[in-house]
Amino acid sequence: MNPNLSGAAPVPRPRRRLLPWMAGLGAIALLAVLAVGLTRDPHELPSTRIGKPWPAVALPVLGDAAAAPVGPAQWRGRARIVNLWASWCGTCREEHPALMSLAATLRAQGRADQLVGLNYKDRASDAGDWLARLGNPFAMSLVDADGRMAIELGVYGAPETFVIDAQGVILHRHVGALTPEIIARELLPRLGSGS
């Protein structure tokens, strides 16, 4: 029976032509989002701490139980590079030669005290053994055993590196392993001539 003869309203046809267009527009939108994501450096994670003071927390010095805790008050007057590391971190092992080279450069310039370690969620014995085995690039390494300092800094994981100016303000943050190129391009220019 013809539906038009029975007096019933005509049944609308599905809009089959619209579906391919919708799918095409969705695919184009997805490709645009992916293309924008591919143009960004995954190591450049936003940090709310850039331009703000290093947290005013004094931490113990690794391997020196008799030393007073050290914090940004003791660093004022000199820019610093602070490298967050751990003995259990495989990427930290990969970047270690670059840190040793940086330490040698700073030492030759009389600026060895500008490279500071921040040992993250590590056992002191493991961290000490690791530095004894691979070499210690740091003027000192502070201990963040419970990870609270890392939380204050918004750390994603080890390794991460910060540059702090002579007033204790965070200028830069690098997430991931350092390389000689990153040190030359991102860290040393911000460290300045030693002030």
Protein backbone atom coordinates (compact mmCIF):
# COMPACT_ATOMS: atom_id res chain seq x y z
CA MET A 1 0.00 0.00 0.00
CA ASN A 2 1.25 3.44 -0.87
CA PRO A 3 1.85 5.47 2.32
CA ASN A 4 0.59 8.62 0.62
CA LEU A 5 -2.80 7.00 -0.10
CA SER A 6 -3.44 6.00 3.52
CA GLY A 7 -3.33 9.60 4.71
CA ALA A 8 -0.27 9.07 6.91
CA ALA A 9 2.50 11.64 6.89
CA PRO A 10 5.39 10.82 4.55
CA VAL A 11 8.40 9.20 6.25
CA PRO A 12 11.47 11.44 5.91
CA ARG A 13 14.43 9.90 4.13
CA PRO A 14 17.71 9.74 6.07
CA ARG A 15 20.09 12.46 5.06
CA ARG A 16 22.71 10.19 3.69
CA ARG A 17 24.54 12.98 1.96
CA LEU A 18 25.14 14.82 5.23
CA LEU A 19 26.94 11.93 6.96
CA PRO A 20 30.03 11.91 4.70
CA TRP A 21 30.36 15.67 5.12
CA MET A 22 30.15 15.42 8.92
CA ALA A 23 32.75 12.64 8.97
CA GLY A 24 35.02 14.65 6.69
CA LEU A 25 34.76 17.76 8.86
CA GLY A 26 35.50 15.68 11.97
CA ALA A 27 38.60 14.19 10.33
CA ILE A 28 39.84 17.63 9.27
CA ALA A 29 39.36 18.97 12.82
CA LEU A 30 41.28 16.02 14.27
CA LEU A 31 44.13 16.49 11.79
CA ALA A 32 44.33 20.20 12.66
CA VAL A 33 44.63 19.43 16.39
CA LEU A 34 47.33 16.82 15.72
CA ALA A 35 49.23 19.17 13.41
CA VAL A 36 49.34 21.88 16.09
CA GLY A 37 50.53 19.33 18.66
CA LEU A 38 53.37 18.18 16.41
CA THR A 39 54.76 21.72 16.18
CA ARG A 40 55.30 21.94 19.95
CA ASP A 41 58.35 20.76 21.85
CA PRO A 42 57.24 18.10 24.38
CA HIS A 43 59.96 19.28 26.79
CA GLU A 44 58.47 22.75 26.98
CA LEU A 45 55.84 22.15 29.60
CA PRO A 46 54.18 25.20 31.07
CA SER A 47 55.35 26.10 34.56
CA THR A 48 53.53 28.38 36.93
CA ARG A 49 56.80 28.87 38.81
CA ILE A 50 58.63 30.79 36.05
CA GLY A 51 59.17 34.35 37.28
CA LYS A 52 58.49 33.37 40.89
CA PRO A 53 60.93 32.76 43.74
CA TRP A 54 62.37 29.33 44.37
CA PRO A 55 60.37 27.83 47.28
CA ALA A 56 61.71 29.05 50.61
CA VAL A 57 62.48 25.59 51.93
CA ALA A 58 65.87 24.55 53.33
CA LEU A 59 66.82 20.93 52.58
CA PRO A 60 69.50 18.61 53.96
CA VAL A 61 72.76 18.22 52.04
CA LEU A 62 73.34 14.73 50.61
CA GLY A 63 76.21 12.93 52.33
CA ASP A 64 76.75 15.60 55.00
CA ALA A 65 74.51 14.96 57.99
CA ALA A 66 76.38 17.60 60.03
CA ALA A 67 75.71 20.39 57.50
CA ALA A 68 72.91 22.83 58.12
CA PRO A 69 70.02 22.57 55.66
CA VAL A 70 70.46 24.77 52.58
CA GLY A 71 67.85 26.81 50.78
CA PRO A 72 67.49 29.83 48.53
CA ALA A 73 68.62 32.22 51.27
CA GLN A 74 72.11 30.71 51.02
CA TRP A 75 72.08 31.00 47.20
CA ARG A 76 71.23 34.68 46.90
CA GLY A 77 73.71 36.82 45.02
CA ARG A 78 74.62 34.12 42.49
CA ALA A 79 72.61 32.49 39.69
CA ARG A 80 72.26 28.69 39.89
CA ILE A 81 71.40 25.70 37.77
CA VAL A 82 69.45 23.15 39.84
CA ASN A 83 69.18 19.65 38.39
CA LEU A 84 66.60 17.27 39.87
CA TRP A 85 67.94 13.71 39.63
CA ALA A 86 67.72 10.23 41.19
CA SER A 87 69.85 7.10 41.18
CA TRP A 88 66.84 5.03 40.03
CA CYS A 89 66.26 7.30 37.01
CA GLY A 90 67.51 5.83 33.71
CA THR A 91 67.22 9.16 31.90
CA CYS A 92 69.34 10.79 34.63
CA ARG A 93 72.10 8.29 33.78
CA GLU A 94 71.81 9.30 30.09
CA GLU A 95 72.23 13.00 30.88
CA HIS A 96 75.02 12.51 33.44
CA PRO A 97 77.93 12.94 30.96
CA ALA A 98 76.46 16.31 29.89
CA LEU A 99 76.28 17.37 33.55
CA MET A 100 79.89 16.27 34.11
CA SER A 101 80.95 18.37 31.12
CA LEU A 102 78.95 21.36 32.39
CA ALA A 103 80.57 20.98 35.81
CA ALA A 104 84.06 20.97 34.22
CA THR A 105 83.21 24.13 32.25
CA LEU A 106 81.91 25.93 35.32
CA ARG A 107 84.88 24.76 37.42
CA ALA A 108 87.32 26.10 34.81
CA GLN A 109 85.54 29.47 35.02
CA GLY A 110 85.61 29.49 38.84
CA ARG A 111 81.85 28.98 38.98
CA ALA A 112 81.54 25.37 40.18
CA ASP A 113 79.17 26.42 42.98
CA GLN A 114 76.52 27.36 40.40
CA LEU A 115 75.56 23.74 39.67
CA VAL A 116 73.37 22.26 42.41
CA GLY A 117 71.71 18.85 42.53
CA LEU A 118 68.28 18.09 43.95
CA ASN A 119 68.13 14.38 44.76
CA TYR A 120 64.53 13.25 44.33
CA LYS A 121 62.77 10.42 46.23
CA ASP A 122 65.97 8.46 46.59
CA ARG A 123 67.75 6.56 49.36
CA ALA A 124 70.78 8.55 50.49
CA SER A 125 73.02 5.46 50.27
CA ASP A 126 71.91 4.74 46.69
CA ALA A 127 72.38 8.37 45.66
CA GLY A 128 75.85 8.55 47.27
CA ASP A 129 76.95 5.30 45.62
CA TRP A 130 75.66 6.50 42.24
CA LEU A 131 77.66 9.75 42.45
CA ALA A 132 80.76 7.90 43.66
CA ARG A 133 80.52 5.51 40.70
CA LEU A 134 79.63 7.98 37.92
CA GLY A 135 81.21 11.17 39.24
CA ASN A 136 79.70 14.07 41.13
CA PRO A 137 79.08 17.15 38.98
CA PHE A 138 77.33 19.10 41.76
CA ALA A 139 78.79 21.62 44.19
CA MET A 140 76.19 20.13 46.55
CA SER A 141 73.15 17.93 46.23
CA LEU A 142 70.11 18.67 48.35
CA VAL A 143 67.80 15.88 49.47
CA ASP A 144 64.09 15.86 48.59
CA ALA A 145 63.40 12.43 50.08
CA ASP A 146 59.62 12.76 50.27
CA GLY A 147 59.18 14.72 47.03
CA ARG A 148 57.53 17.75 48.65
CA MET A 149 59.94 20.21 47.04
CA ALA A 150 59.24 18.62 43.66
CA ILE A 151 55.51 19.13 44.25
CA GLU A 152 56.16 22.79 45.09
CA LEU A 153 58.07 23.12 41.81
CA GLY A 154 55.42 21.33 39.74
CA VAL A 155 57.85 18.61 38.70
CA TYR A 156 56.57 15.92 36.32
CA GLY A 157 59.45 13.52 37.01
CA ALA A 158 63.20 13.15 36.95
CA PRO A 159 65.22 14.67 35.42
CA GLU A 160 64.21 18.31 35.37
CA THR A 161 66.48 21.34 35.44
CA PHE A 162 65.87 24.90 36.60
CA VAL A 163 67.84 28.11 36.18
CA ILE A 164 67.51 30.54 39.08
CA ASP A 165 68.76 34.12 38.96
CA ALA A 166 70.90 35.83 41.62
CA GLN A 167 67.76 36.99 43.46
CA GLY A 168 66.38 33.43 43.66
CA VAL A 169 63.76 33.81 40.91
CA ILE A 170 63.14 30.86 38.58
CA LEU A 171 64.04 31.91 35.03
CA HIS A 172 63.78 28.65 33.15
CA ARG A 173 62.72 25.03 33.42
CA HIS A 174 63.80 22.15 31.21
CA VAL A 175 61.98 18.81 31.40
CA GLY A 176 63.93 15.72 30.41
CA ALA A 177 67.55 14.88 29.79
CA LEU A 178 70.09 17.61 29.21
CA THR A 179 72.37 17.49 26.21
CA PRO A 180 75.39 19.69 25.41
CA GLU A 181 73.20 21.55 22.89
CA ILE A 182 70.44 22.24 25.43
CA ILE A 183 73.00 23.38 28.00
CA ALA A 184 74.58 25.77 25.49
CA ARG A 185 71.28 27.06 24.10
CA GLU A 186 68.98 27.16 27.14
CA LEU A 187 70.97 27.09 30.38
CA LEU A 188 74.28 28.91 30.04
CA PRO A 189 72.85 32.09 28.45
CA ARG A 190 70.39 32.36 31.35
CA LEU A 191 73.08 31.62 33.91
CA GLY A 192 74.97 34.66 32.69
CA SER A 193 78.51 35.51 33.58
CA GLY A 194 78.22 34.31 37.14
CA SER A 195 76.26 36.98 38.94
